[in-house]
Amino acid sequence: MKIIVIGNGFDLNLGLKTSYKDFIESDYFNTLIEENNSLATYLMAKNNLNNWVDIEKEITQYSIDIQYTDANVKNDFRALKISLANYLKEAQEGEIDQESQAFKMIQEEIGTADIIYNFNYTSTVFKVAELLGIMDIGSKHSYVHGSIENMDIIFGVEDKARIYQNHIFLKKSYNENYGKTDIGKHLKDKHDLVFFGHSLGITDSSYFANYIHTLTFDWNMSQLKLYYYRENGYDEMMTMLDIYTLNNLTDFKHNNNFSLIDSSKK
C-alpha cells in the first residue's frame, strides 16, 4: 500500500497564501482584533510566530496565562476558528503553480497511491487532480482534521498540552469529528509513504511517533519519501526524526528505503 501524507507546505508550494503570516496579515484576522478577541490579540503580540505549529504552542501558553473559566474564552476560540476557515476558503482560490514540486508529486505518485491523508483544511488536492484530469481522487482522499468546505475544521492543541483544566475545548480531541479518520490503523504496518509539506511536528506526534519508532530497528523494504523545504525544513524534519527514533537516526536511515527531496527545486 502507498500512502501520501500532505501538510500545509503542500499548499504553500503550490503558491497559495495559506501560511500563519498570511492569515495574521489578513482582514479576517484584523476584524478579530477590532472585536477585541482576546486570543487573536494574544497571538498578534507574539512576533516570533512563524507557522501553525508555533500557534498551537502559544494557544497552550494562552490557556495557562488566562487561567480562568469564562464563556468569552471559548467564544473567542470559536471565532478564531471560523475566521481561519473563512480566510482559507478564499486563499485556496489562488492560482496554482503547475511547475511546483507539489503539483509534480501528485502527478507522479497519485496513480500508484492507495490513500491520501490530508492534514490541510483546503480542497487544493482536488483542484490539482482536476488540472491533471484525474477524476477518482475522492475515493482515495481523507481529511484528518476536517475541511473548510464542511466548516468542521479540527484546530487546537494535542492531548498532552498542559492547558488550564477548564479549557478542554482547546484540545483537538474535544471536537466530535476528531479520530474519525483511519490513519492510525494504516500507520501500524509498513507501507510506502510519501510526506509532502508535513514537518512531522510535535503537535501531530500522536500520529507518527510510535510508527516512526517501529521503523527504526527493523529492516524495511517499503519506500519512504520525505519532501522538505530548503535548509530550515530539512533541519526541522531531522530534529523530529531524531526525537521519534529516540536518538537513533542512523539506524532509522540504514533500515529504511529512505529519500529526502528538496521541494523548493523545480
C-alpha atoms as a PDB file:
ATOM      1  CA  MET A   1       0.000   0.000   0.000  1.00  0.00           C
ATOM      2  CA  LYS A   2       1.202   3.514  -0.808  1.00  0.00           C
ATOM      3  CA  ILE A   3       0.126   6.386   1.440  1.00  0.00           C
ATOM      4  CA  ILE A   4       0.565  10.091   0.725  1.00  0.00           C
ATOM      5  CA  VAL A   5       0.546  12.453   3.721  1.00  0.00           C
ATOM      6  CA  ILE A   6       0.008  16.134   2.993  1.00  0.00           C
ATOM      7  CA  GLY A   7       0.563  19.163   5.234  1.00  0.00           C
ATOM      8  CA  ASN A   8       0.391  22.934   4.868  1.00  0.00           C
ATOM      9  CA  GLY A   9       3.687  23.026   2.975  1.00  0.00           C
ATOM     10  CA  PHE A  10       1.838  21.402   0.085  1.00  0.00           C
ATOM     11  CA  ASP A  11      -0.461  24.404  -0.366  1.00  0.00           C
ATOM     12  CA  LEU A  12       2.432  26.817   0.124  1.00  0.00           C
ATOM     13  CA  ASN A  13       4.494  25.015  -2.506  1.00  0.00           C
ATOM     14  CA  LEU A  14       1.586  25.399  -4.924  1.00  0.00           C
ATOM     15  CA  GLY A  15       1.892  29.162  -4.415  1.00  0.00           C
ATOM     16  CA  LEU A  16      -1.147  29.659  -2.170  1.00  0.00           C
ATOM     17  CA  LYS A  17      -1.155  32.127   0.731  1.00  0.00           C
ATOM     18  CA  THR A  18      -2.131  29.713   3.490  1.00  0.00           C
ATOM     19  CA  SER A  19       0.638  30.436   5.993  1.00  0.00           C
ATOM     20  CA  TYR A  20       0.159  31.778   9.515  1.00  0.00           C
ATOM     21  CA  LYS A  21       1.784  35.043   8.397  1.00  0.00           C
ATOM     22  CA  ASP A  22      -0.734  35.390   5.568  1.00  0.00           C
ATOM     23  CA  PHE A  23      -3.653  34.796   7.930  1.00  0.00           C
ATOM     24  CA  ILE A  24      -2.479  37.211  10.608  1.00  0.00           C
ATOM     25  CA  GLU A  25      -1.990  39.943   7.994  1.00  0.00           C
ATOM     26  CA  SER A  26      -5.455  39.422   6.532  1.00  0.00           C
ATOM     27  CA  ASP A  27      -8.628  41.444   7.010  1.00  0.00           C
ATOM     28  CA  TYR A  28     -10.181  38.388   8.656  1.00  0.00           C
ATOM     29  CA  PHE A  29      -7.643  38.485  11.484  1.00  0.00           C
ATOM     30  CA  ASN A  30      -7.772  42.283  11.737  1.00  0.00           C
ATOM     31  CA  THR A  31     -11.519  42.038  12.273  1.00  0.00           C
ATOM     32  CA  LEU A  32     -10.902  39.770  15.260  1.00  0.00           C
ATOM     33  CA  ILE A  33      -8.535  42.360  16.702  1.00  0.00           C
ATOM     34  CA  GLU A  34     -11.113  45.105  16.198  1.00  0.00           C
ATOM     35  CA  GLU A  35     -13.664  42.956  18.019  1.00  0.00           C
ATOM     36  CA  ASN A  36     -11.263  42.633  20.979  1.00  0.00           C
ATOM     37  CA  ASN A  37     -10.855  38.891  20.540  1.00  0.00           C
ATOM     38  CA  SER A  38      -8.517  38.020  23.431  1.00  0.00           C
ATOM     39  CA  LEU A  39      -6.857  35.057  21.710  1.00  0.00           C
ATOM     40  CA  ALA A  40      -6.225  36.946  18.468  1.00  0.00           C
ATOM     41  CA  THR A  41      -4.793  39.866  20.433  1.00  0.00           C
ATOM     42  CA  TYR A  42      -2.554  37.473  22.358  1.00  0.00           C
ATOM     43  CA  LEU A  43      -1.275  35.848  19.155  1.00  0.00           C
ATOM     44  CA  MET A  44      -0.722  39.198  17.470  1.00  0.00           C
ATOM     45  CA  ALA A  45       1.639  40.183  20.276  1.00  0.00           C
ATOM     46  CA  LYS A  46       3.808  37.105  19.660  1.00  0.00           C
ATOM     47  CA  ASN A  47       6.026  38.412  16.883  1.00  0.00           C
ATOM     48  CA  ASN A  48       8.183  35.285  16.807  1.00  0.00           C
ATOM     49  CA  LEU A  49       5.411  33.035  15.498  1.00  0.00           C
ATOM     50  CA  ASN A  50       6.307  31.636  12.086  1.00  0.00           C
ATOM     51  CA  ASN A  51       3.989  28.710  11.458  1.00  0.00           C
ATOM     52  CA  TRP A  52       0.937  26.767  12.584  1.00  0.00           C
ATOM     53  CA  VAL A  53       2.946  24.644  14.986  1.00  0.00           C
ATOM     54  CA  ASP A  54       4.017  27.808  16.793  1.00  0.00           C
ATOM     55  CA  ILE A  55       0.372  28.880  17.105  1.00  0.00           C
ATOM     56  CA  GLU A  56      -0.601  25.616  18.767  1.00  0.00           C
ATOM     57  CA  LYS A  57       2.207  26.066  21.280  1.00  0.00           C
ATOM     58  CA  GLU A  58       1.080  29.615  22.005  1.00  0.00           C
ATOM     59  CA  ILE A  59      -2.549  28.568  22.482  1.00  0.00           C
ATOM     60  CA  THR A  60      -1.261  26.333  25.280  1.00  0.00           C
ATOM     61  CA  GLN A  61       0.556  29.265  26.849  1.00  0.00           C
ATOM     62  CA  TYR A  62      -2.503  31.465  26.365  1.00  0.00           C
ATOM     63  CA  SER A  63      -4.578  28.982  28.370  1.00  0.00           C
ATOM     64  CA  ILE A  64      -2.018  29.000  31.181  1.00  0.00           C
ATOM     65  CA  ASP A  65      -1.812  32.797  31.209  1.00  0.00           C
ATOM     66  CA  ILE A  66      -5.592  33.359  31.086  1.00  0.00           C
ATOM     67  CA  GLN A  67      -6.379  30.521  33.511  1.00  0.00           C
ATOM     68  CA  TYR A  68      -9.963  31.306  34.324  1.00  0.00           C
ATOM     69  CA  THR A  69     -13.316  29.958  33.231  1.00  0.00           C
ATOM     70  CA  ASP A  70     -15.104  32.469  31.088  1.00  0.00           C
ATOM     71  CA  ALA A  71     -17.529  31.956  28.223  1.00  0.00           C
ATOM     72  CA  ASN A  72     -15.604  34.624  26.326  1.00  0.00           C
ATOM     73  CA  VAL A  73     -12.517  32.406  26.150  1.00  0.00           C
ATOM     74  CA  LYS A  74     -14.488  29.669  24.411  1.00  0.00           C
ATOM     75  CA  ASN A  75     -16.288  32.165  22.173  1.00  0.00           C
ATOM     76  CA  ASP A  76     -13.029  33.841  21.160  1.00  0.00           C
ATOM     77  CA  PHE A  77     -11.506  30.474  20.265  1.00  0.00           C
ATOM     78  CA  ARG A  78     -14.566  29.565  18.206  1.00  0.00           C
ATOM     79  CA  ALA A  79     -14.442  32.939  16.432  1.00  0.00           C
ATOM     80  CA  LEU A  80     -10.768  32.406  15.587  1.00  0.00           C
ATOM     81  CA  LYS A  81     -11.538  29.015  14.017  1.00  0.00           C
ATOM     82  CA  ILE A  82     -14.372  30.458  11.941  1.00  0.00           C
ATOM     83  CA  SER A  83     -12.181  33.339  10.814  1.00  0.00           C
ATOM     84  CA  LEU A  84      -9.406  30.927   9.838  1.00  0.00           C
ATOM     85  CA  ALA A  85     -11.802  28.747   7.847  1.00  0.00           C
ATOM     86  CA  ASN A  86     -13.202  31.744   6.002  1.00  0.00           C
ATOM     87  CA  TYR A  87      -9.731  33.046   5.220  1.00  0.00           C
ATOM     88  CA  LEU A  88      -8.531  29.695   3.866  1.00  0.00           C
ATOM     89  CA  LYS A  89     -11.664  29.310   1.774  1.00  0.00           C
ATOM     90  CA  GLU A  90     -10.635  32.494  -0.024  1.00  0.00           C
ATOM     91  CA  ALA A  91      -6.901  31.719  -0.096  1.00  0.00           C
ATOM     92  CA  GLN A  92      -7.382  28.331  -1.768  1.00  0.00           C
ATOM     93  CA  GLU A  93      -8.786  30.055  -4.835  1.00  0.00           C
ATOM     94  CA  GLY A  94      -5.364  31.447  -5.750  1.00  0.00           C
ATOM     95  CA  GLU A  95      -3.542  30.396  -8.908  1.00  0.00           C
ATOM     96  CA  ILE A  96      -1.825  27.014  -8.631  1.00  0.00           C
ATOM     97  CA  ASP A  97       1.812  26.745  -9.691  1.00  0.00           C
ATOM     98  CA  GLN A  98       1.845  23.813 -12.083  1.00  0.00           C
ATOM     99  CA  GLU A  99       5.662  23.815 -12.138  1.00  0.00           C
ATOM    100  CA  SER A 100       5.875  23.255  -8.381  1.00  0.00           C
ATOM    101  CA  GLN A 101       7.143  20.086  -6.753  1.00  0.00           C
ATOM    102  CA  ALA A 102       3.765  19.649  -5.056  1.00  0.00           C
ATOM    103  CA  PHE A 103       1.977  19.570  -8.393  1.00  0.00           C
ATOM    104  CA  LYS A 104       4.567  17.190  -9.854  1.00  0.00           C
ATOM    105  CA  MET A 105       4.393  14.915  -6.817  1.00  0.00           C
ATOM    106  CA  ILE A 106       0.665  14.374  -7.269  1.00  0.00           C
ATOM    107  CA  GLN A 107       1.190  13.849 -10.985  1.00  0.00           C
ATOM    108  CA  GLU A 108       3.853  11.189 -10.354  1.00  0.00           C
ATOM    109  CA  GLU A 109       2.535   9.447  -7.241  1.00  0.00           C
ATOM    110  CA  ILE A 110      -1.251   9.526  -7.400  1.00  0.00           C
ATOM    111  CA  GLY A 111      -1.523   6.708  -9.932  1.00  0.00           C
ATOM    112  CA  THR A 112       0.007   4.192  -7.535  1.00  0.00           C
ATOM    113  CA  ALA A 113      -1.287   5.703  -4.273  1.00  0.00           C
ATOM    114  CA  ASP A 114      -3.965   3.912  -2.295  1.00  0.00           C
ATOM    115  CA  ILE A 115      -4.865   6.751   0.054  1.00  0.00           C
ATOM    116  CA  ILE A 116      -4.101  10.420   0.696  1.00  0.00           C
ATOM    117  CA  TYR A 117      -4.221  11.656   4.280  1.00  0.00           C
ATOM    118  CA  ASN A 118      -4.674  15.395   4.138  1.00  0.00           C
ATOM    119  CA  PHE A 119      -3.827  17.444   7.249  1.00  0.00           C
ATOM    120  CA  ASN A 120      -4.917  20.625   5.460  1.00  0.00           C
ATOM    121  CA  TYR A 121      -8.437  22.026   5.578  1.00  0.00           C
ATOM    122  CA  THR A 122      -8.393  23.114   1.933  1.00  0.00           C
ATOM    123  CA  SER A 123      -9.537  21.349  -1.231  1.00  0.00           C
ATOM    124  CA  THR A 124      -6.378  22.081  -3.228  1.00  0.00           C
ATOM    125  CA  VAL A 125      -5.645  18.379  -3.779  1.00  0.00           C
ATOM    126  CA  PHE A 126      -8.888  18.152  -5.727  1.00  0.00           C
ATOM    127  CA  LYS A 127      -8.003  21.274  -7.717  1.00  0.00           C
ATOM    128  CA  VAL A 128      -4.641  19.773  -8.681  1.00  0.00           C
ATOM    129  CA  ALA A 129      -6.324  16.500  -9.635  1.00  0.00           C
ATOM    130  CA  GLU A 130      -8.813  18.369 -11.801  1.00  0.00           C
ATOM    131  CA  LEU A 131      -5.990  20.168 -13.627  1.00  0.00           C
ATOM    132  CA  LEU A 132      -4.339  16.789 -14.205  1.00  0.00           C
ATOM    133  CA  GLY A 133      -7.562  15.221 -15.444  1.00  0.00           C
ATOM    134  CA  ILE A 134      -7.723  12.778 -12.538  1.00  0.00           C
ATOM    135  CA  MET A 135     -11.333  12.001 -11.686  1.00  0.00           C
ATOM    136  CA  ASP A 136     -11.216   9.317  -8.966  1.00  0.00           C
ATOM    137  CA  ILE A 137      -9.153  11.096  -6.297  1.00  0.00           C
ATOM    138  CA  GLY A 138     -12.152  11.381  -3.985  1.00  0.00           C
ATOM    139  CA  SER A 139     -12.126   7.649  -3.325  1.00  0.00           C
ATOM    140  CA  LYS A 140      -8.513   7.873  -2.141  1.00  0.00           C
ATOM    141  CA  HIS A 141      -8.701  11.094  -0.150  1.00  0.00           C
ATOM    142  CA  SER A 142      -9.285  11.511   3.593  1.00  0.00           C
ATOM    143  CA  TYR A 143      -9.237  14.711   5.660  1.00  0.00           C
ATOM    144  CA  VAL A 144      -7.513  14.150   9.003  1.00  0.00           C
ATOM    145  CA  HIS A 145      -8.577  17.438  10.622  1.00  0.00           C
ATOM    146  CA  GLY A 146     -11.776  18.250   8.797  1.00  0.00           C
ATOM    147  CA  SER A 147     -12.355  20.655   5.923  1.00  0.00           C
ATOM    148  CA  ILE A 148     -13.393  24.235   5.296  1.00  0.00           C
ATOM    149  CA  GLU A 149     -15.993  23.006   2.832  1.00  0.00           C
ATOM    150  CA  ASN A 150     -17.873  21.341   5.663  1.00  0.00           C
ATOM    151  CA  MET A 151     -16.849  24.017   8.213  1.00  0.00           C
ATOM    152  CA  ASP A 152     -15.765  21.239  10.574  1.00  0.00           C
ATOM    153  CA  ILE A 153     -12.071  22.059  10.977  1.00  0.00           C
ATOM    154  CA  ILE A 154     -10.265  20.455  13.903  1.00  0.00           C
ATOM    155  CA  PHE A 155      -7.963  23.111  15.332  1.00  0.00           C
ATOM    156  CA  GLY A 156      -6.307  23.302  18.731  1.00  0.00           C
ATOM    157  CA  VAL A 157      -3.735  21.516  20.861  1.00  0.00           C
ATOM    158  CA  GLU A 158      -2.716  17.913  21.461  1.00  0.00           C
ATOM    159  CA  ASP A 159      -3.897  15.885  24.457  1.00  0.00           C
ATOM    160  CA  LYS A 160      -0.515  16.215  26.183  1.00  0.00           C
ATOM    161  CA  ALA A 161      -0.594  20.008  26.105  1.00  0.00           C
ATOM    162  CA  ARG A 162      -0.673  21.348  29.660  1.00  0.00           C
ATOM    163  CA  ILE A 163      -3.603  23.704  29.340  1.00  0.00           C
ATOM    164  CA  TYR A 164      -5.820  25.018  32.114  1.00  0.00           C
ATOM    165  CA  GLN A 165      -8.159  22.175  33.084  1.00  0.00           C
ATOM    166  CA  ASN A 166     -11.355  24.059  32.277  1.00  0.00           C
ATOM    167  CA  HIS A 167     -10.160  24.827  28.755  1.00  0.00           C
ATOM    168  CA  ILE A 168     -10.796  21.300  27.441  1.00  0.00           C
ATOM    169  CA  PHE A 169     -12.413  22.845  24.360  1.00  0.00           C
ATOM    170  CA  LEU A 170      -8.945  23.924  23.173  1.00  0.00           C
ATOM    171  CA  LYS A 171      -7.968  20.291  22.550  1.00  0.00           C
ATOM    172  CA  LYS A 172      -8.341  18.785  19.101  1.00  0.00           C
ATOM    173  CA  SER A 173      -9.745  15.639  20.665  1.00  0.00           C
ATOM    174  CA  TYR A 174     -12.631  17.697  22.111  1.00  0.00           C
ATOM    175  CA  ASN A 175     -14.003  18.073  18.578  1.00  0.00           C
ATOM    176  CA  GLU A 176     -16.711  15.482  17.898  1.00  0.00           C
ATOM    177  CA  ASN A 177     -15.165  14.796  14.482  1.00  0.00           C
ATOM    178  CA  TYR A 178     -11.710  14.034  15.863  1.00  0.00           C
ATOM    179  CA  GLY A 179     -10.497  10.475  15.346  1.00  0.00           C
ATOM    180  CA  LYS A 180     -12.881   9.600  12.527  1.00  0.00           C
ATOM    181  CA  THR A 181     -10.054   9.108  10.044  1.00  0.00           C
ATOM    182  CA  ASP A 182      -8.359   5.688   9.975  1.00  0.00           C
ATOM    183  CA  ILE A 183      -4.794   6.995   9.677  1.00  0.00           C
ATOM    184  CA  GLY A 184      -3.839   5.343  12.961  1.00  0.00           C
ATOM    185  CA  LYS A 185      -4.869   1.941  11.638  1.00  0.00           C
ATOM    186  CA  HIS A 186      -2.802   2.283   8.487  1.00  0.00           C
ATOM    187  CA  LEU A 187       0.246   3.553  10.337  1.00  0.00           C
ATOM    188  CA  LYS A 188       0.617   0.271  12.205  1.00  0.00           C
ATOM    189  CA  ASP A 189       2.030  -1.600   9.220  1.00  0.00           C
ATOM    190  CA  LYS A 190       4.900  -0.962   6.860  1.00  0.00           C
ATOM    191  CA  HIS A 191       3.788   0.852   3.725  1.00  0.00           C
ATOM    192  CA  ASP A 192       5.292   3.037   1.034  1.00  0.00           C
ATOM    193  CA  LEU A 193       4.962   6.566   2.409  1.00  0.00           C
ATOM    194  CA  VAL A 194       5.250   9.986   0.803  1.00  0.00           C
ATOM    195  CA  PHE A 195       5.257  13.032   3.096  1.00  0.00           C
ATOM    196  CA  PHE A 196       4.839  16.412   1.443  1.00  0.00           C
ATOM    197  CA  GLY A 197       4.573  19.681   3.359  1.00  0.00           C
ATOM    198  CA  HIS A 198       4.307  17.984   6.736  1.00  0.00           C
ATOM    199  CA  SER A 199       7.201  18.533   9.133  1.00  0.00           C
ATOM    200  CA  LEU A 200       6.215  15.601  11.387  1.00  0.00           C
ATOM    201  CA  GLY A 201       5.830  18.287  14.062  1.00  0.00           C
ATOM    202  CA  ILE A 202       5.354  17.562  17.738  1.00  0.00           C
ATOM    203  CA  THR A 203       1.735  18.743  17.609  1.00  0.00           C
ATOM    204  CA  ASP A 204       0.918  15.712  15.440  1.00  0.00           C
ATOM    205  CA  SER A 205       3.147  13.325  17.352  1.00  0.00           C
ATOM    206  CA  SER A 206       0.193  11.121  18.303  1.00  0.00           C
ATOM    207  CA  TYR A 207       0.008  10.026  14.661  1.00  0.00           C
ATOM    208  CA  PHE A 208       3.683   9.500  13.871  1.00  0.00           C
ATOM    209  CA  ALA A 209       5.839   8.949  16.960  1.00  0.00           C
ATOM    210  CA  ASN A 210       5.131   5.243  17.539  1.00  0.00           C
ATOM    211  CA  TYR A 211       5.092   4.404  13.834  1.00  0.00           C
ATOM    212  CA  ILE A 212       8.451   6.000  13.098  1.00  0.00           C
ATOM    213  CA  HIS A 213       9.929   4.373  16.174  1.00  0.00           C
ATOM    214  CA  THR A 214       8.840   0.931  14.926  1.00  0.00           C
ATOM    215  CA  LEU A 215      10.613   1.584  11.632  1.00  0.00           C
ATOM    216  CA  THR A 216      13.891   2.368  13.359  1.00  0.00           C
ATOM    217  CA  PHE A 217      15.265  -1.058  14.213  1.00  0.00           C
ATOM    218  CA  ASP A 218      13.745  -3.441  11.651  1.00  0.00           C
ATOM    219  CA  TRP A 219      14.798  -3.656   8.015  1.00  0.00           C
ATOM    220  CA  ASN A 220      12.048  -2.069   5.969  1.00  0.00           C
ATOM    221  CA  MET A 221      11.870  -2.565   2.203  1.00  0.00           C
ATOM    222  CA  SER A 222       8.999  -0.113   1.861  1.00  0.00           C
ATOM    223  CA  GLN A 223       9.816   3.238   0.294  1.00  0.00           C
ATOM    224  CA  LEU A 224       9.804   6.388   2.419  1.00  0.00           C
ATOM    225  CA  LYS A 225       9.944   9.783   0.683  1.00  0.00           C
ATOM    226  CA  LEU A 226      10.136  12.976   2.698  1.00  0.00           C
ATOM    227  CA  TYR A 227       9.824  16.321   0.934  1.00  0.00           C
ATOM    228  CA  TYR A 228      11.272  19.283   2.821  1.00  0.00           C
ATOM    229  CA  TYR A 229      11.562  22.993   2.042  1.00  0.00           C
ATOM    230  CA  ARG A 230      15.103  24.338   1.939  1.00  0.00           C
ATOM    231  CA  GLU A 231      17.553  24.255   4.850  1.00  0.00           C
ATOM    232  CA  ASN A 232      15.201  25.054   7.734  1.00  0.00           C
ATOM    233  CA  GLY A 233      12.739  22.405   6.611  1.00  0.00           C
ATOM    234  CA  TYR A 234      15.496  19.811   6.453  1.00  0.00           C
ATOM    235  CA  ASP A 235      16.677  20.696   9.952  1.00  0.00           C
ATOM    236  CA  GLU A 236      13.129  20.568  11.359  1.00  0.00           C
ATOM    237  CA  MET A 237      12.466  17.170   9.816  1.00  0.00           C
ATOM    238  CA  MET A 238      15.777  15.695  11.003  1.00  0.00           C
ATOM    239  CA  THR A 239      15.124  17.018  14.505  1.00  0.00           C
ATOM    240  CA  MET A 240      11.701  15.366  14.657  1.00  0.00           C
ATOM    241  CA  LEU A 241      13.020  12.075  13.273  1.00  0.00           C
ATOM    242  CA  ASP A 242      15.791  12.157  15.863  1.00  0.00           C
ATOM    243  CA  ILE A 243      13.181  12.641  18.612  1.00  0.00           C
ATOM    244  CA  TYR A 244      10.842   9.909  17.334  1.00  0.00           C
ATOM    245  CA  THR A 245      13.700   7.418  16.903  1.00  0.00           C
ATOM    246  CA  LEU A 246      14.969   8.203  20.430  1.00  0.00           C
ATOM    247  CA  ASN A 247      18.272   9.485  19.033  1.00  0.00           C
ATOM    248  CA  ASN A 248      18.748   6.520  16.708  1.00  0.00           C
ATOM    249  CA  LEU A 249      18.606   8.428  13.451  1.00  0.00           C
ATOM    250  CA  THR A 250      21.486   6.405  11.965  1.00  0.00           C
ATOM    251  CA  ASP A 251      19.616   3.127  12.463  1.00  0.00           C
ATOM    252  CA  PHE A 252      16.476   4.659  11.007  1.00  0.00           C
ATOM    253  CA  LYS A 253      18.329   5.716   7.859  1.00  0.00           C
ATOM    254  CA  HIS A 254      20.101   2.377   7.482  1.00  0.00           C
ATOM    255  CA  ASN A 255      16.967   0.283   7.945  1.00  0.00           C
ATOM    256  CA  ASN A 256      14.652   2.177   5.622  1.00  0.00           C
ATOM    257  CA  ASN A 257      14.475   2.765   1.893  1.00  0.00           C
ATOM    258  CA  PHE A 258      14.749   6.450   2.687  1.00  0.00           C
ATOM    259  CA  SER A 259      14.955   9.538   0.475  1.00  0.00           C
ATOM    260  CA  LEU A 260      14.813  13.287   1.161  1.00  0.00           C
ATOM    261  CA  ILE A 261      13.681  15.666  -1.569  1.00  0.00           C
ATOM    262  CA  ASP A 262      14.077  19.453  -1.589  1.00  0.00           C
ATOM    263  CA  SER A 263      10.647  20.742  -2.633  1.00  0.00           C
ATOM    264  CA  SER A 264      11.988  24.227  -3.363  1.00  0.00           C
ATOM    265  CA  LYS A 265      13.708  22.968  -6.514  1.00  0.00           C
ATOM    266  CA  LYS A 266      11.777  22.958  -9.788  1.00  0.00           C
END
